[in-house]
Amino acid sequence: MKEITYFYLPYCPYCQQSSAWLEELKQENQIYNDIPMKRVDESKETELANSYDYQLVPTFYIGDEKVHEGVATKEIVKAVLDKAMA
């Protein structure tokens, strides 16, 4: 199981939706709760955010690999979680 780094902005509606889907998917499948996740509010952790190569939020990394950037669907968020489980 690999750690997910999740970059977001608290006022971003797409990030709010992605966060809601993360919680919904964790309720639907308890195994997702075991995935380590670092949530990075890029407005508060700008130095860390600037050290990664992305332009849009929400953005998901697994290790050093960017697996999604920009508007997400529930299916995309689930795919990120599934990839972290592999």
C-alpha atoms as a PDB file:
ATOM      1  CA  MET A   1       0.000   0.000   0.000  1.00  0.00           C
ATOM      2  CA  LYS A   2       1.419   3.354  -1.037  1.00  0.00           C
ATOM      3  CA  GLU A   3       0.864   6.815   0.424  1.00  0.00           C
ATOM      4  CA  ILE A   4      -1.356   9.263  -1.450  1.00  0.00           C
ATOM      5  CA  THR A   5      -0.483  12.945  -1.413  1.00  0.00           C
ATOM      6  CA  TYR A   6      -3.614  14.988  -2.016  1.00  0.00           C
ATOM      7  CA  PHE A   7      -3.193  18.661  -2.929  1.00  0.00           C
ATOM      8  CA  TYR A   8      -6.253  20.847  -2.478  1.00  0.00           C
ATOM      9  CA  LEU A   9      -7.530  24.310  -1.657  1.00  0.00           C
ATOM     10  CA  PRO A  10     -10.267  24.555   0.996  1.00  0.00           C
ATOM     11  CA  TYR A  11     -12.373  27.018  -1.035  1.00  0.00           C
ATOM     12  CA  CYS A  12     -12.136  25.065  -4.313  1.00  0.00           C
ATOM     13  CA  PRO A  13     -15.519  23.467  -5.133  1.00  0.00           C
ATOM     14  CA  TYR A  14     -13.824  20.661  -7.093  1.00  0.00           C
ATOM     15  CA  CYS A  15     -11.596  19.903  -4.118  1.00  0.00           C
ATOM     16  CA  GLN A  16     -14.592  19.933  -1.778  1.00  0.00           C
ATOM     17  CA  GLN A  17     -16.327  17.421  -4.047  1.00  0.00           C
ATOM     18  CA  SER A  18     -13.217  15.214  -4.248  1.00  0.00           C
ATOM     19  CA  SER A  19     -12.899  15.286  -0.455  1.00  0.00           C
ATOM     20  CA  ALA A  20     -16.552  14.305  -0.099  1.00  0.00           C
ATOM     21  CA  TRP A  21     -16.046  11.398  -2.501  1.00  0.00           C
ATOM     22  CA  LEU A  22     -12.964  10.288  -0.559  1.00  0.00           C
ATOM     23  CA  GLU A  23     -15.031  10.109   2.625  1.00  0.00           C
ATOM     24  CA  GLU A  24     -17.946   8.413   0.860  1.00  0.00           C
ATOM     25  CA  LEU A  25     -15.666   5.786  -0.675  1.00  0.00           C
ATOM     26  CA  LYS A  26     -14.033   5.149   2.717  1.00  0.00           C
ATOM     27  CA  GLN A  27     -17.483   4.514   4.188  1.00  0.00           C
ATOM     28  CA  GLU A  28     -18.412   2.204   1.314  1.00  0.00           C
ATOM     29  CA  ASN A  29     -15.171   0.220   1.563  1.00  0.00           C
ATOM     30  CA  GLN A  30     -13.451   0.288   4.958  1.00  0.00           C
ATOM     31  CA  ILE A  31     -10.151  -0.992   3.475  1.00  0.00           C
ATOM     32  CA  TYR A  32      -9.600   2.469   1.969  1.00  0.00           C
ATOM     33  CA  ASN A  33      -9.210   3.831   5.510  1.00  0.00           C
ATOM     34  CA  ASP A  34      -5.910   1.938   5.737  1.00  0.00           C
ATOM     35  CA  ILE A  35      -4.334   3.907   2.876  1.00  0.00           C
ATOM     36  CA  PRO A  36      -1.911   6.506   4.233  1.00  0.00           C
ATOM     37  CA  MET A  37      -2.866   9.935   2.924  1.00  0.00           C
ATOM     38  CA  LYS A  38      -1.128  13.247   3.270  1.00  0.00           C
ATOM     39  CA  ARG A  39      -3.555  16.110   2.657  1.00  0.00           C
ATOM     40  CA  VAL A  40      -1.765  19.275   1.585  1.00  0.00           C
ATOM     41  CA  ASP A  41      -3.613  22.591   1.727  1.00  0.00           C
ATOM     42  CA  GLU A  42      -1.530  24.408  -0.852  1.00  0.00           C
ATOM     43  CA  SER A  43      -2.515  27.819   0.568  1.00  0.00           C
ATOM     44  CA  LYS A  44      -0.838  26.871   3.875  1.00  0.00           C
ATOM     45  CA  GLU A  45       1.962  24.606   2.653  1.00  0.00           C
ATOM     46  CA  THR A  46       3.123  26.572  -0.381  1.00  0.00           C
ATOM     47  CA  GLU A  47       6.745  25.451  -0.193  1.00  0.00           C
ATOM     48  CA  LEU A  48       5.776  21.781  -0.282  1.00  0.00           C
ATOM     49  CA  ALA A  49       3.159  22.390  -2.986  1.00  0.00           C
ATOM     50  CA  ASN A  50       5.686  24.267  -5.120  1.00  0.00           C
ATOM     51  CA  SER A  51       8.074  21.322  -4.948  1.00  0.00           C
ATOM     52  CA  TYR A  52       5.592  19.199  -6.949  1.00  0.00           C
ATOM     53  CA  ASP A  53       4.836  19.552 -10.666  1.00  0.00           C
ATOM     54  CA  TYR A  54       1.153  20.389 -11.019  1.00  0.00           C
ATOM     55  CA  GLN A  55      -1.003  23.375 -11.951  1.00  0.00           C
ATOM     56  CA  LEU A  56      -4.562  22.483 -10.894  1.00  0.00           C
ATOM     57  CA  VAL A  57      -6.256  21.182  -7.788  1.00  0.00           C
ATOM     58  CA  PRO A  58      -7.344  18.683  -6.773  1.00  0.00           C
ATOM     59  CA  THR A  59      -4.193  16.719  -7.562  1.00  0.00           C
ATOM     60  CA  PHE A  60      -3.304  13.231  -6.378  1.00  0.00           C
ATOM     61  CA  TYR A  61       0.175  11.733  -6.238  1.00  0.00           C
ATOM     62  CA  ILE A  62       1.079   8.189  -5.301  1.00  0.00           C
ATOM     63  CA  GLY A  63       4.689   8.327  -4.249  1.00  0.00           C
ATOM     64  CA  ASP A  64       6.385  10.515  -6.863  1.00  0.00           C
ATOM     65  CA  GLU A  65       3.854   9.715  -9.603  1.00  0.00           C
ATOM     66  CA  LYS A  66       1.089  12.183 -10.410  1.00  0.00           C
ATOM     67  CA  VAL A  67      -1.990  10.038 -10.971  1.00  0.00           C
ATOM     68  CA  HIS A  68      -4.631  12.756 -11.385  1.00  0.00           C
ATOM     69  CA  GLU A  69      -4.767  16.524 -11.749  1.00  0.00           C
ATOM     70  CA  GLY A  70      -7.838  18.748 -12.022  1.00  0.00           C
ATOM     71  CA  VAL A  71     -11.563  18.099 -11.833  1.00  0.00           C
ATOM     72  CA  ALA A  72     -12.250  14.547 -10.678  1.00  0.00           C
ATOM     73  CA  THR A  73     -15.217  12.216 -10.700  1.00  0.00           C
ATOM     74  CA  LYS A  74     -16.049   9.670  -8.021  1.00  0.00           C
ATOM     75  CA  GLU A  75     -14.731   6.997 -10.394  1.00  0.00           C
ATOM     76  CA  ILE A  76     -11.390   8.820 -10.726  1.00  0.00           C
ATOM     77  CA  VAL A  77     -11.061   9.179  -6.952  1.00  0.00           C
ATOM     78  CA  LYS A  78     -11.824   5.463  -6.569  1.00  0.00           C
ATOM     79  CA  ALA A  79      -9.195   4.648  -9.217  1.00  0.00           C
ATOM     80  CA  VAL A  80      -6.622   6.649  -7.238  1.00  0.00           C
ATOM     81  CA  LEU A  81      -7.476   4.735  -4.076  1.00  0.00           C
ATOM     82  CA  ASP A  82      -7.358   1.402  -5.918  1.00  0.00           C
ATOM     83  CA  LYS A  83      -3.992   2.235  -7.438  1.00  0.00           C
ATOM     84  CA  ALA A  84      -2.592   3.043  -3.981  1.00  0.00           C
ATOM     85  CA  MET A  85      -3.786  -0.384  -2.822  1.00  0.00           C
ATOM     86  CA  ALA A  86      -1.917  -2.230  -5.601  1.00  0.00           C
END
